[in-house]
Amino acid sequence: MRFEIQNCIGMPIGRYKARFQHVSRVPIDDGFAVRLQFSIVGGQYNGTGVRRLVPELACPTNACGRLIGGLTGETVVPKSEVDIEPCLGRIYEITVEEKPDGTGTRVATVSPVEK
């Protein structure tokens, strides 16, 4: 008997080019978080959505701060303000990793695509 192996946990782990599609504030059990949504550009996963839910509080050392830095291409520093709206629609290189609890995958890193 032959089986075709399906992708049951989300986007396969790896590096991809993706368009930054949407950012939203979403309610969670103890407050709010930020959802960053991307869409894969090119290849066999073209158009597939992948996202990351991060704390609403952005710090240079947490996931929110690191992803904001990746979107802007700049180092995030305390007490500064960063607007990521201009990043919407741009193409980035993203890394997808497995979630720590093994329930799927998520965006781990974001970096600007060199022109």
Protein backbone atom coordinates (compact mmCIF):
# COMPACT_ATOMS: atom_id res chain seq x y z
CA MET A 1 0.00 0.00 0.00
CA ARG A 2 1.29 3.47 -0.89
CA PHE A 3 0.58 6.69 0.97
CA GLU A 4 0.90 10.26 -0.13
CA ILE A 5 2.28 12.15 2.84
CA GLN A 6 0.26 15.26 3.62
CA ASN A 7 1.39 18.40 5.38
CA CYS A 8 -0.64 18.26 8.60
CA ILE A 9 1.20 20.77 10.76
CA GLY A 10 1.26 23.88 8.61
CA MET A 11 3.95 25.24 6.33
CA PRO A 12 7.02 22.98 6.09
CA ILE A 13 10.08 24.16 7.99
CA GLY A 14 12.46 26.18 5.81
CA ARG A 15 13.25 29.54 4.23
CA TYR A 16 10.82 31.23 1.86
CA LYS A 17 10.13 34.50 0.11
CA ALA A 18 6.87 35.93 1.40
CA ARG A 19 4.76 39.06 1.16
CA PHE A 20 3.86 40.80 4.43
CA GLN A 21 0.07 40.79 4.11
CA HIS A 22 -1.55 41.91 7.33
CA VAL A 23 -1.01 42.93 10.93
CA SER A 24 -3.77 42.84 13.53
CA ARG A 25 -4.31 43.07 17.25
CA VAL A 26 -6.08 39.97 18.58
CA PRO A 27 -7.52 39.15 22.00
CA ILE A 28 -5.87 36.37 24.01
CA ASP A 29 -6.58 34.96 27.49
CA ASP A 30 -4.60 37.61 29.37
CA GLY A 31 -4.86 40.66 27.10
CA PHE A 32 -3.89 41.19 23.48
CA ALA A 33 -1.31 39.92 21.02
CA VAL A 34 -0.27 40.94 17.52
CA ARG A 35 -0.74 38.65 14.51
CA LEU A 36 1.69 39.12 11.62
CA GLN A 37 0.49 37.42 8.44
CA PHE A 38 2.57 36.56 5.37
CA SER A 39 1.82 34.88 2.04
CA ILE A 40 4.44 32.69 0.33
CA VAL A 41 5.60 34.03 -3.05
CA GLY A 42 6.66 31.51 -5.71
CA GLY A 43 7.41 27.82 -5.64
CA GLN A 44 5.07 24.98 -4.82
CA TYR A 45 3.64 26.81 -1.78
CA ASN A 46 2.82 30.02 -3.67
CA GLY A 47 -0.07 31.81 -1.95
CA THR A 48 0.10 29.73 1.23
CA GLY A 49 -0.42 31.81 4.35
CA VAL A 50 1.87 31.65 7.35
CA ARG A 51 1.73 33.77 10.48
CA ARG A 52 3.15 34.52 13.88
CA LEU A 53 1.33 35.57 17.03
CA VAL A 54 3.60 37.70 19.25
CA PRO A 55 3.22 39.66 22.47
CA GLU A 56 1.83 43.16 22.04
CA LEU A 57 4.75 44.48 24.08
CA ALA A 58 7.74 44.96 21.76
CA CYS A 59 11.23 44.68 23.26
CA PRO A 60 14.56 44.31 21.45
CA THR A 61 14.92 40.79 22.88
CA ASN A 62 11.44 39.30 22.37
CA ALA A 63 9.81 37.85 19.25
CA CYS A 64 7.75 40.98 18.58
CA GLY A 65 10.81 43.24 18.66
CA ARG A 66 12.95 40.89 16.57
CA LEU A 67 10.27 40.54 13.88
CA ILE A 68 9.67 44.32 13.81
CA GLY A 69 13.42 44.78 13.36
CA GLY A 70 13.37 42.28 10.52
CA LEU A 71 10.47 44.04 8.81
CA THR A 72 12.07 47.46 9.02
CA GLY A 73 15.63 46.27 8.47
CA GLU A 74 16.71 48.30 11.50
CA THR A 75 17.78 47.54 15.04
CA VAL A 76 14.91 48.02 17.49
CA VAL A 77 15.90 50.21 20.44
CA PRO A 78 14.03 50.90 23.68
CA LYS A 79 11.88 54.04 23.91
CA SER A 80 11.61 54.40 20.11
CA GLU A 81 8.47 54.22 17.99
CA VAL A 82 8.29 52.08 14.88
CA ASP A 83 5.51 52.07 12.29
CA ILE A 84 5.31 48.80 10.32
CA GLU A 85 2.38 49.87 8.12
CA PRO A 86 4.80 50.95 5.32
CA CYS A 87 6.13 47.36 5.33
CA LEU A 88 2.78 45.91 4.23
CA GLY A 89 2.91 44.46 0.72
CA ARG A 90 6.71 44.16 0.67
CA ILE A 91 8.54 40.90 -0.02
CA TYR A 92 10.73 39.40 2.73
CA GLU A 93 12.73 36.28 3.31
CA ILE A 94 11.19 34.38 6.20
CA THR A 95 12.24 31.34 8.17
CA VAL A 96 9.52 28.93 9.27
CA GLU A 97 10.14 26.80 12.35
CA GLU A 98 8.19 24.23 14.31
CA LYS A 99 6.28 25.58 17.31
CA PRO A 100 7.82 24.53 20.63
CA ASP A 101 4.74 22.47 21.52
CA GLY A 102 4.86 20.60 18.18
CA THR A 103 1.35 21.70 17.12
CA GLY A 104 2.35 23.38 13.88
CA THR A 105 4.77 25.88 12.41
CA ARG A 106 5.29 29.61 12.68
CA VAL A 107 7.36 32.46 11.27
CA ALA A 108 10.64 32.56 13.19
CA THR A 109 12.62 35.27 11.41
CA VAL A 110 12.02 37.98 8.83
CA SER A 111 14.60 39.84 6.79
CA PRO A 112 14.34 42.28 3.88
CA VAL A 113 15.00 40.85 0.43
CA GLU A 114 18.04 42.50 -1.13
CA LYS A 115 17.30 44.24 -4.41
